[in-house]
């Protein structure tokens, strides 16, 4: 035998790997109906009729809000006016029912009492003390 070494050569064939592509589910009748419904909804949403109706509703809501605000404001003004009228009537009644002659006499008497007390204090200040005269 010869001393030459023989090598065993193993060849592995290179396989071309195809990239993994998940299997696409096949479209079913349900998917077709969903797709149609989605398209119909999008078409209805984008329609001019829907936009016009939305604008109309916005205008209507704005008009209702403005009218409501006006009504509330009118009611508040009427309530304030009524309250002012009632207060005016109450004051008029009190003025009519007041006995002004009695009020004037009572006020005059109070004023004279106060004046008398002040004059009494003033007289005490100017009255000489008796002990000072005896000395």
C-alpha atoms as a PDB file:
ATOM      1  CA  UNK A   1       0.000   0.000   0.000  1.00  0.00           C
ATOM      2  CA  UNK A   2       1.088   3.290  -0.685  1.00  0.00           C
ATOM      3  CA  UNK A   3       1.611   5.765   1.842  1.00  0.00           C
ATOM      4  CA  UNK A   4      -0.465   8.299   0.213  1.00  0.00           C
ATOM      5  CA  UNK A   5      -3.435   9.308   2.136  1.00  0.00           C
ATOM      6  CA  UNK A   6      -6.687   9.478   0.463  1.00  0.00           C
ATOM      7  CA  UNK A   7      -9.282  11.760   1.697  1.00  0.00           C
ATOM      8  CA  UNK A   8     -12.888  11.184   1.551  1.00  0.00           C
ATOM      9  CA  UNK A   9     -14.691  14.099   0.036  1.00  0.00           C
ATOM     10  CA  UNK A  10     -18.265  14.739   1.117  1.00  0.00           C
ATOM     11  CA  UNK A  11     -20.181  17.152  -0.940  1.00  0.00           C
ATOM     12  CA  UNK A  12     -23.343  18.746   0.366  1.00  0.00           C
ATOM     13  CA  UNK A  13     -25.493  20.085  -2.387  1.00  0.00           C
ATOM     14  CA  UNK A  14     -26.487  23.713  -1.885  1.00  0.00           C
ATOM     15  CA  UNK A  15     -30.205  24.035  -1.812  1.00  0.00           C
ATOM     16  CA  UNK A  16     -31.648  27.273  -2.796  1.00  0.00           C
ATOM     17  CA  UNK A  17     -33.700  28.451   0.144  1.00  0.00           C
ATOM     18  CA  UNK A  18     -36.841  30.229  -0.678  1.00  0.00           C
ATOM     19  CA  UNK A  19     -37.797  32.929   1.781  1.00  0.00           C
ATOM     20  CA  UNK A  20     -40.616  32.117   4.185  1.00  0.00           C
ATOM     21  CA  UNK A  21     -43.841  33.564   2.914  1.00  0.00           C
ATOM     22  CA  UNK A  22     -46.812  32.963   5.124  1.00  0.00           C
ATOM     23  CA  UNK A  23     -49.674  31.418   3.404  1.00  0.00           C
ATOM     24  CA  UNK A  24     -52.242  33.993   2.409  1.00  0.00           C
ATOM     25  CA  UNK A  25     -55.683  33.034   3.572  1.00  0.00           C
ATOM     26  CA  UNK A  26     -58.084  32.644   0.766  1.00  0.00           C
ATOM     27  CA  UNK A  27     -60.820  35.253   0.613  1.00  0.00           C
ATOM     28  CA  UNK A  28     -64.065  33.907   1.907  1.00  0.00           C
ATOM     29  CA  UNK A  29     -67.607  35.105   1.344  1.00  0.00           C
ATOM     30  CA  UNK A  30     -67.544  36.791   4.767  1.00  0.00           C
ATOM     31  CA  UNK A  31     -64.437  38.748   3.812  1.00  0.00           C
ATOM     32  CA  UNK A  32     -66.080  39.837   0.567  1.00  0.00           C
ATOM     33  CA  UNK A  33     -69.171  41.031   2.436  1.00  0.00           C
ATOM     34  CA  UNK A  34     -66.986  42.872   4.970  1.00  0.00           C
ATOM     35  CA  UNK A  35     -65.087  44.537   2.165  1.00  0.00           C
ATOM     36  CA  UNK A  36     -68.301  45.581   0.427  1.00  0.00           C
ATOM     37  CA  UNK A  37     -69.787  46.910   3.660  1.00  0.00           C
ATOM     38  CA  UNK A  38     -66.598  48.857   4.406  1.00  0.00           C
ATOM     39  CA  UNK A  39     -66.567  50.387   0.932  1.00  0.00           C
ATOM     40  CA  UNK A  40     -70.245  51.275   1.160  1.00  0.00           C
ATOM     41  CA  UNK A  41     -69.773  52.892   4.582  1.00  0.00           C
ATOM     42  CA  UNK A  42     -66.758  54.890   3.379  1.00  0.00           C
ATOM     43  CA  UNK A  43     -68.641  55.990   0.281  1.00  0.00           C
ATOM     44  CA  UNK A  44     -71.650  57.050   2.382  1.00  0.00           C
ATOM     45  CA  UNK A  45     -69.389  58.943   4.807  1.00  0.00           C
ATOM     46  CA  UNK A  46     -67.613  60.774   2.003  1.00  0.00           C
ATOM     47  CA  UNK A  47     -70.865  61.577   0.198  1.00  0.00           C
ATOM     48  CA  UNK A  48     -72.022  65.131  -0.342  1.00  0.00           C
ATOM     49  CA  UNK A  49     -75.434  64.258   1.095  1.00  0.00           C
ATOM     50  CA  UNK A  50     -73.882  63.332   4.467  1.00  0.00           C
ATOM     51  CA  UNK A  51     -71.780  66.502   4.501  1.00  0.00           C
ATOM     52  CA  UNK A  52     -74.817  68.631   3.666  1.00  0.00           C
ATOM     53  CA  UNK A  53     -76.897  66.926   6.379  1.00  0.00           C
ATOM     54  CA  UNK A  54     -74.108  67.443   8.925  1.00  0.00           C
ATOM     55  CA  UNK A  55     -73.857  71.126   8.043  1.00  0.00           C
ATOM     56  CA  UNK A  56     -77.627  71.442   8.374  1.00  0.00           C
ATOM     57  CA  UNK A  57     -77.592  69.769  11.785  1.00  0.00           C
ATOM     58  CA  UNK A  58     -74.791  72.049  12.970  1.00  0.00           C
ATOM     59  CA  UNK A  59     -76.699  75.124  11.829  1.00  0.00           C
ATOM     60  CA  UNK A  60     -79.858  73.823  13.496  1.00  0.00           C
ATOM     61  CA  UNK A  61     -78.070  73.094  16.755  1.00  0.00           C
ATOM     62  CA  UNK A  62     -76.481  76.544  16.715  1.00  0.00           C
ATOM     63  CA  UNK A  63     -79.852  78.167  16.084  1.00  0.00           C
ATOM     64  CA  UNK A  64     -81.490  76.192  18.897  1.00  0.00           C
ATOM     65  CA  UNK A  65     -78.673  77.108  21.300  1.00  0.00           C
ATOM     66  CA  UNK A  66     -78.927  80.795  20.389  1.00  0.00           C
ATOM     67  CA  UNK A  67     -82.713  80.789  20.772  1.00  0.00           C
ATOM     68  CA  UNK A  68     -82.439  78.984  24.118  1.00  0.00           C
ATOM     69  CA  UNK A  69     -79.898  81.510  25.340  1.00  0.00           C
ATOM     70  CA  UNK A  70     -82.148  84.375  24.242  1.00  0.00           C
ATOM     71  CA  UNK A  71     -85.164  82.861  26.026  1.00  0.00           C
ATOM     72  CA  UNK A  72     -83.178  82.306  29.233  1.00  0.00           C
ATOM     73  CA  UNK A  73     -81.848  85.863  29.100  1.00  0.00           C
ATOM     74  CA  UNK A  74     -85.361  87.271  28.566  1.00  0.00           C
ATOM     75  CA  UNK A  75     -86.649  85.246  31.522  1.00  0.00           C
ATOM     76  CA  UNK A  76     -83.816  86.497  33.728  1.00  0.00           C
ATOM     77  CA  UNK A  77     -84.497  90.114  32.723  1.00  0.00           C
ATOM     78  CA  UNK A  78     -88.219  89.677  33.392  1.00  0.00           C
ATOM     79  CA  UNK A  79     -87.489  88.134  36.797  1.00  0.00           C
ATOM     80  CA  UNK A  80     -85.139  91.011  37.709  1.00  0.00           C
ATOM     81  CA  UNK A  81     -87.703  93.583  36.551  1.00  0.00           C
ATOM     82  CA  UNK A  82     -90.444  91.888  38.561  1.00  0.00           C
ATOM     83  CA  UNK A  83     -88.247  91.821  41.657  1.00  0.00           C
ATOM     84  CA  UNK A  84     -87.427  95.530  41.225  1.00  0.00           C
ATOM     85  CA  UNK A  85     -91.162  96.311  40.832  1.00  0.00           C
ATOM     86  CA  UNK A  86     -91.971  94.387  43.992  1.00  0.00           C
ATOM     87  CA  UNK A  87     -89.256  96.170  45.959  1.00  0.00           C
ATOM     88  CA  UNK A  88     -90.478  99.539  44.654  1.00  0.00           C
ATOM     89  CA  UNK A  89     -94.040  98.727  45.681  1.00  0.00           C
ATOM     90  CA  UNK A  90     -92.867  97.629  49.136  1.00  0.00           C
ATOM     91  CA  UNK A  91     -90.993 100.920  49.621  1.00  0.00           C
ATOM     92  CA  UNK A  92     -93.993 102.948  48.399  1.00  0.00           C
ATOM     93  CA  UNK A  93     -96.266 101.088  50.802  1.00  0.00           C
ATOM     94  CA  UNK A  94     -93.868 101.655  53.698  1.00  0.00           C
ATOM     95  CA  UNK A  95     -93.671 105.370  52.869  1.00  0.00           C
ATOM     96  CA  UNK A  96     -97.474 105.639  52.708  1.00  0.00           C
ATOM     97  CA  UNK A  97     -97.963 103.744  55.947  1.00  0.00           C
ATOM     98  CA  UNK A  98     -95.324 105.600  57.938  1.00  0.00           C
ATOM     99  CA  UNK A  99     -96.644 108.169  60.422  1.00  0.00           C
ATOM    100  CA  UNK A 100     -94.249 110.982  59.540  1.00  0.00           C
ATOM    101  CA  UNK A 101     -95.548 113.280  62.252  1.00  0.00           C
ATOM    102  CA  UNK A 102     -94.734 110.709  64.926  1.00  0.00           C
ATOM    103  CA  UNK A 103     -91.307 110.001  63.336  1.00  0.00           C
ATOM    104  CA  UNK A 104     -90.496 113.738  63.279  1.00  0.00           C
ATOM    105  CA  UNK A 105     -91.523 114.194  66.937  1.00  0.00           C
ATOM    106  CA  UNK A 106     -89.501 111.159  67.997  1.00  0.00           C
ATOM    107  CA  UNK A 107     -86.431 112.325  66.032  1.00  0.00           C
ATOM    108  CA  UNK A 108     -86.709 115.842  67.444  1.00  0.00           C
ATOM    109  CA  UNK A 109     -87.001 114.500  71.007  1.00  0.00           C
ATOM    110  CA  UNK A 110     -83.905 112.316  70.528  1.00  0.00           C
ATOM    111  CA  UNK A 111     -81.973 115.237  69.085  1.00  0.00           C
ATOM    112  CA  UNK A 112     -82.971 117.535  71.955  1.00  0.00           C
ATOM    113  CA  UNK A 113     -81.982 114.905  74.556  1.00  0.00           C
ATOM    114  CA  UNK A 114     -78.570 114.536  72.921  1.00  0.00           C
ATOM    115  CA  UNK A 115     -78.149 118.320  72.756  1.00  0.00           C
ATOM    116  CA  UNK A 116     -79.172 118.590  76.415  1.00  0.00           C
ATOM    117  CA  UNK A 117     -76.596 115.972  77.425  1.00  0.00           C
ATOM    118  CA  UNK A 118     -73.860 117.761  75.470  1.00  0.00           C
ATOM    119  CA  UNK A 119     -74.791 121.136  76.998  1.00  0.00           C
ATOM    120  CA  UNK A 120     -74.757 119.533  80.466  1.00  0.00           C
ATOM    121  CA  UNK A 121     -71.221 118.242  79.859  1.00  0.00           C
ATOM    122  CA  UNK A 122     -70.162 121.666  78.636  1.00  0.00           C
ATOM    123  CA  UNK A 123     -71.696 123.363  81.702  1.00  0.00           C
ATOM    124  CA  UNK A 124     -69.796 120.997  83.995  1.00  0.00           C
ATOM    125  CA  UNK A 125     -66.526 121.983  82.314  1.00  0.00           C
ATOM    126  CA  UNK A 126     -67.123 125.673  82.864  1.00  0.00           C
ATOM    127  CA  UNK A 127     -68.573 125.444  86.378  1.00  0.00           C
ATOM    128  CA  UNK A 128     -65.882 126.402  88.914  1.00  0.00           C
ATOM    129  CA  UNK A 129     -65.218 123.942  91.675  1.00  0.00           C
ATOM    130  CA  UNK A 130     -66.345 125.029  95.161  1.00  0.00           C
ATOM    131  CA  UNK A 131     -63.206 123.871  96.867  1.00  0.00           C
ATOM    132  CA  UNK A 132     -61.133 126.271  94.772  1.00  0.00           C
ATOM    133  CA  UNK A 133     -63.281 129.266  95.966  1.00  0.00           C
ATOM    134  CA  UNK A 134     -62.923 128.412  99.670  1.00  0.00           C
ATOM    135  CA  UNK A 135     -59.186 128.662  99.674  1.00  0.00           C
END
